[in-house]
Amino acid sequence: MRIAQSVAHNIVQLFRAFPVLLESLEMLYLFVFSHYPTQNRFALLLEML
């Protein structure tokens, strides 16, 4: 029972952190696309990750 509670707690924490991660990736994406108006922006974005 204790293990199930621990697993559930970890899953809840992961889903709480997920929107923050998505927001960070979106900010990085917008930064790259606004500051590097080239044909190869996607490759640059992948390199930065």
PDB file of N, CA and C in Angstrom:
ATOM      1  N   MET A   1       0.834  -1.201   0.000  1.00  0.00           N
ATOM      2  CA  MET A   1       0.000   0.000   0.000  1.00  0.00           C
ATOM      3  C   MET A   1       0.869   1.253   0.000  1.00  0.00           C
ATOM      4  N   ARG A   2       1.919   1.228   0.789  1.00  0.00           N
ATOM      5  CA  ARG A   2       2.807   2.392   0.892  1.00  0.00           C
ATOM      6  C   ARG A   2       3.494   2.676  -0.445  1.00  0.00           C
ATOM      7  N   ILE A   3       3.865   1.615  -1.155  1.00  0.00           N
ATOM      8  CA  ILE A   3       4.520   1.784  -2.455  1.00  0.00           C
ATOM      9  C   ILE A   3       3.559   2.430  -3.446  1.00  0.00           C
ATOM     10  N   ALA A   4       2.304   2.004  -3.426  1.00  0.00           N
ATOM     11  CA  ALA A   4       1.307   2.583  -4.327  1.00  0.00           C
ATOM     12  C   ALA A   4       1.123   4.070  -4.050  1.00  0.00           C
ATOM     13  N   GLN A   5       1.119   4.456  -2.785  1.00  0.00           N
ATOM     14  CA  GLN A   5       0.987   5.873  -2.436  1.00  0.00           C
ATOM     15  C   GLN A   5       2.190   6.662  -2.934  1.00  0.00           C
ATOM     16  N   SER A   6       3.373   6.085  -2.796  1.00  0.00           N
ATOM     17  CA  SER A   6       4.600   6.742  -3.243  1.00  0.00           C
ATOM     18  C   SER A   6       4.590   6.938  -4.756  1.00  0.00           C
ATOM     19  N   VAL A   7       4.179   5.899  -5.475  1.00  0.00           N
ATOM     20  CA  VAL A   7       4.106   5.980  -6.937  1.00  0.00           C
ATOM     21  C   VAL A   7       3.089   7.033  -7.350  1.00  0.00           C
ATOM     22  N   ALA A   8       1.930   7.034  -6.719  1.00  0.00           N
ATOM     23  CA  ALA A   8       0.893   8.022  -7.034  1.00  0.00           C
ATOM     24  C   ALA A   8       1.397   9.434  -6.755  1.00  0.00           C
ATOM     25  N   HIS A   9       2.108   9.606  -5.658  1.00  0.00           N
ATOM     26  CA  HIS A   9       2.658  10.920  -5.307  1.00  0.00           C
ATOM     27  C   HIS A   9       3.654  11.386  -6.373  1.00  0.00           C
ATOM     28  N   ASN A  10       4.516  10.486  -6.838  1.00  0.00           N
ATOM     29  CA  ASN A  10       5.495  10.829  -7.873  1.00  0.00           C
ATOM     30  C   ASN A  10       4.815  11.198  -9.183  1.00  0.00           C
ATOM     31  N   ILE A  11       3.751  10.490  -9.531  1.00  0.00           N
ATOM     32  CA  ILE A  11       3.019  10.793 -10.764  1.00  0.00           C
ATOM     33  C   ILE A  11       2.380  12.174 -10.673  1.00  0.00           C
ATOM     34  N   VAL A  12       1.802  12.495  -9.526  1.00  0.00           N
ATOM     35  CA  VAL A  12       1.193  13.818  -9.331  1.00  0.00           C
ATOM     36  C   VAL A  12       2.251  14.906  -9.463  1.00  0.00           C
ATOM     37  N   GLN A  13       3.423  14.704  -8.876  1.00  0.00           N
ATOM     38  CA  GLN A  13       4.499  15.697  -8.977  1.00  0.00           C
ATOM     39  C   GLN A  13       4.948  15.866 -10.418  1.00  0.00           C
ATOM     40  N   LEU A  14       5.032  14.767 -11.160  1.00  0.00           N
ATOM     41  CA  LEU A  14       5.434  14.827 -12.560  1.00  0.00           C
ATOM     42  C   LEU A  14       4.445  15.662 -13.365  1.00  0.00           C
ATOM     43  N   PHE A  15       3.149  15.432 -13.156  1.00  0.00           N
ATOM     44  CA  PHE A  15       2.150  16.176 -13.913  1.00  0.00           C
ATOM     45  C   PHE A  15       2.078  17.638 -13.494  1.00  0.00           C
ATOM     46  N   ARG A  16       2.460  17.947 -12.254  1.00  0.00           N
ATOM     47  CA  ARG A  16       2.539  19.349 -11.835  1.00  0.00           C
ATOM     48  C   ARG A  16       3.701  20.043 -12.525  1.00  0.00           C
ATOM     49  N   ALA A  17       4.803  19.340 -12.719  1.00  0.00           N
ATOM     50  CA  ALA A  17       5.995  19.921 -13.345  1.00  0.00           C
ATOM     51  C   ALA A  17       5.850  20.010 -14.858  1.00  0.00           C
ATOM     52  N   PHE A  18       4.999  19.186 -15.446  1.00  0.00           N
ATOM     53  CA  PHE A  18       4.888  19.112 -16.903  1.00  0.00           C
ATOM     54  C   PHE A  18       4.516  20.441 -17.555  1.00  0.00           C
ATOM     55  N   PRO A  19       3.505  21.181 -17.053  1.00  0.00           N
ATOM     56  CA  PRO A  19       3.185  22.478 -17.676  1.00  0.00           C
ATOM     57  C   PRO A  19       4.351  23.464 -17.619  1.00  0.00           C
ATOM     58  N   VAL A  20       5.130  23.420 -16.558  1.00  0.00           N
ATOM     59  CA  VAL A  20       6.294  24.303 -16.441  1.00  0.00           C
ATOM     60  C   VAL A  20       7.310  23.949 -17.514  1.00  0.00           C
ATOM     61  N   LEU A  21       7.515  22.654 -17.732  1.00  0.00           N
ATOM     62  CA  LEU A  21       8.437  22.202 -18.771  1.00  0.00           C
ATOM     63  C   LEU A  21       7.952  22.645 -20.146  1.00  0.00           C
ATOM     64  N   LEU A  22       6.667  22.473 -20.409  1.00  0.00           N
ATOM     65  CA  LEU A  22       6.120  22.885 -21.698  1.00  0.00           C
ATOM     66  C   LEU A  22       6.265  24.383 -21.908  1.00  0.00           C
ATOM     67  N   GLU A  23       6.016  25.151 -20.864  1.00  0.00           N
ATOM     68  CA  GLU A  23       6.143  26.602 -20.961  1.00  0.00           C
ATOM     69  C   GLU A  23       7.589  26.996 -21.244  1.00  0.00           C
ATOM     70  N   SER A  24       8.534  26.326 -20.618  1.00  0.00           N
ATOM     71  CA  SER A  24       9.953  26.611 -20.844  1.00  0.00           C
ATOM     72  C   SER A  24      10.343  26.296 -22.282  1.00  0.00           C
ATOM     73  N   LEU A  25       9.873  25.165 -22.788  1.00  0.00           N
ATOM     74  CA  LEU A  25      10.180  24.801 -24.170  1.00  0.00           C
ATOM     75  C   LEU A  25       9.546  25.781 -25.146  1.00  0.00           C
ATOM     76  N   GLU A  26       8.333  26.235 -24.833  1.00  0.00           N
ATOM     77  CA  GLU A  26       7.671  27.209 -25.694  1.00  0.00           C
ATOM     78  C   GLU A  26       8.447  28.521 -25.719  1.00  0.00           C
ATOM     79  N   MET A  27       8.939  28.961 -24.571  1.00  0.00           N
ATOM     80  CA  MET A  27       9.721  30.194 -24.515  1.00  0.00           C
ATOM     81  C   MET A  27      11.010  30.052 -25.326  1.00  0.00           C
ATOM     82  N   LEU A  28      11.671  28.911 -25.213  1.00  0.00           N
ATOM     83  CA  LEU A  28      12.892  28.665 -25.982  1.00  0.00           C
ATOM     84  C   LEU A  28      12.584  28.680 -27.477  1.00  0.00           C
ATOM     85  N   TYR A  29      11.503  28.021 -27.859  1.00  0.00           N
ATOM     86  CA  TYR A  29      11.077  27.962 -29.254  1.00  0.00           C
ATOM     87  C   TYR A  29      10.817  29.365 -29.799  1.00  0.00           C
ATOM     88  N   LEU A  30      10.078  30.177 -29.033  1.00  0.00           N
ATOM     89  CA  LEU A  30       9.775  31.538 -29.473  1.00  0.00           C
ATOM     90  C   LEU A  30      11.032  32.388 -29.556  1.00  0.00           C
ATOM     91  N   PHE A  31      11.945  32.211 -28.613  1.00  0.00           N
ATOM     92  CA  PHE A  31      13.204  32.957 -28.629  1.00  0.00           C
ATOM     93  C   PHE A  31      14.003  32.634 -29.888  1.00  0.00           C
ATOM     94  N   VAL A  32      14.136  31.346 -30.179  1.00  0.00           N
ATOM     95  CA  VAL A  32      14.922  30.925 -31.346  1.00  0.00           C
ATOM     96  C   VAL A  32      14.287  31.450 -32.624  1.00  0.00           C
ATOM     97  N   PHE A  33      12.973  31.317 -32.753  1.00  0.00           N
ATOM     98  CA  PHE A  33      12.319  31.720 -33.990  1.00  0.00           C
ATOM     99  C   PHE A  33      12.277  33.230 -34.165  1.00  0.00           C
ATOM    100  N   SER A  34      12.326  33.987 -33.069  1.00  0.00           N
ATOM    101  CA  SER A  34      12.314  35.443 -33.221  1.00  0.00           C
ATOM    102  C   SER A  34      13.718  36.008 -33.415  1.00  0.00           C
ATOM    103  N   HIS A  35      14.746  35.346 -32.878  1.00  0.00           N
ATOM    104  CA  HIS A  35      16.107  35.884 -32.959  1.00  0.00           C
ATOM    105  C   HIS A  35      16.937  35.297 -34.095  1.00  0.00           C
ATOM    106  N   TYR A  36      16.507  34.180 -34.630  1.00  0.00           N
ATOM    107  CA  TYR A  36      17.268  33.546 -35.707  1.00  0.00           C
ATOM    108  C   TYR A  36      16.354  33.279 -36.901  1.00  0.00           C
ATOM    109  N   PRO A  37      16.035  34.325 -37.665  1.00  0.00           N
ATOM    110  CA  PRO A  37      15.129  34.142 -38.811  1.00  0.00           C
ATOM    111  C   PRO A  37      15.855  33.524 -40.010  1.00  0.00           C
ATOM    112  N   THR A  38      16.215  32.276 -39.900  1.00  0.00           N
ATOM    113  CA  THR A  38      16.923  31.594 -40.983  1.00  0.00           C
ATOM    114  C   THR A  38      16.080  30.440 -41.487  1.00  0.00           C
ATOM    115  N   GLN A  39      16.566  29.806 -42.531  1.00  0.00           N
ATOM    116  CA  GLN A  39      15.868  28.642 -43.077  1.00  0.00           C
ATOM    117  C   GLN A  39      16.032  27.420 -42.174  1.00  0.00           C
ATOM    118  N   ASN A  40      17.088  27.424 -41.370  1.00  0.00           N
ATOM    119  CA  ASN A  40      17.430  26.220 -40.622  1.00  0.00           C
ATOM    120  C   ASN A  40      17.181  26.389 -39.124  1.00  0.00           C
ATOM    121  N   ARG A  41      16.093  27.050 -38.773  1.00  0.00           N
ATOM    122  CA  ARG A  41      15.792  27.327 -37.366  1.00  0.00           C
ATOM    123  C   ARG A  41      15.578  26.062 -36.553  1.00  0.00           C
ATOM    124  N   PHE A  42      14.917  25.081 -37.152  1.00  0.00           N
ATOM    125  CA  PHE A  42      14.604  23.867 -36.408  1.00  0.00           C
ATOM    126  C   PHE A  42      15.878  23.123 -36.018  1.00  0.00           C
ATOM    127  N   ALA A  43      16.848  23.071 -36.934  1.00  0.00           N
ATOM    128  CA  ALA A  43      18.129  22.428 -36.624  1.00  0.00           C
ATOM    129  C   ALA A  43      18.835  23.181 -35.501  1.00  0.00           C
ATOM    130  N   LEU A  44      18.755  24.503 -35.535  1.00  0.00           N
ATOM    131  CA  LEU A  44      19.364  25.313 -34.477  1.00  0.00           C
ATOM    132  C   LEU A  44      18.686  25.035 -33.135  1.00  0.00           C
ATOM    133  N   LEU A  45      17.371  24.954 -33.147  1.00  0.00           N
ATOM    134  CA  LEU A  45      16.630  24.659 -31.917  1.00  0.00           C
ATOM    135  C   LEU A  45      17.045  23.300 -31.350  1.00  0.00           C
ATOM    136  N   LEU A  46      17.173  22.312 -32.214  1.00  0.00           N
ATOM    137  CA  LEU A  46      17.582  20.982 -31.753  1.00  0.00           C
ATOM    138  C   LEU A  46      18.992  21.006 -31.178  1.00  0.00           C
ATOM    139  N   GLU A  47      19.874  21.786 -31.784  1.00  0.00           N
ATOM    140  CA  GLU A  47      21.240  21.893 -31.263  1.00  0.00           C
ATOM    141  C   GLU A  47      21.252  22.533 -29.883  1.00  0.00           C
ATOM    142  N   MET A  48      20.384  23.516 -29.669  1.00  0.00           N
ATOM    143  CA  MET A  48      20.341  24.204 -28.383  1.00  0.00           C
ATOM    144  C   MET A  48      19.829  23.288 -27.278  1.00  0.00           C
ATOM    145  N   LEU A  49      18.995  22.318 -27.635  1.00  0.00           N
ATOM    146  CA  LEU A  49      18.486  21.376 -26.639  1.00  0.00           C
ATOM    147  C   LEU A  49      19.572  20.371 -26.359  1.00  0.00           C
TER     148      LEU A  49
END
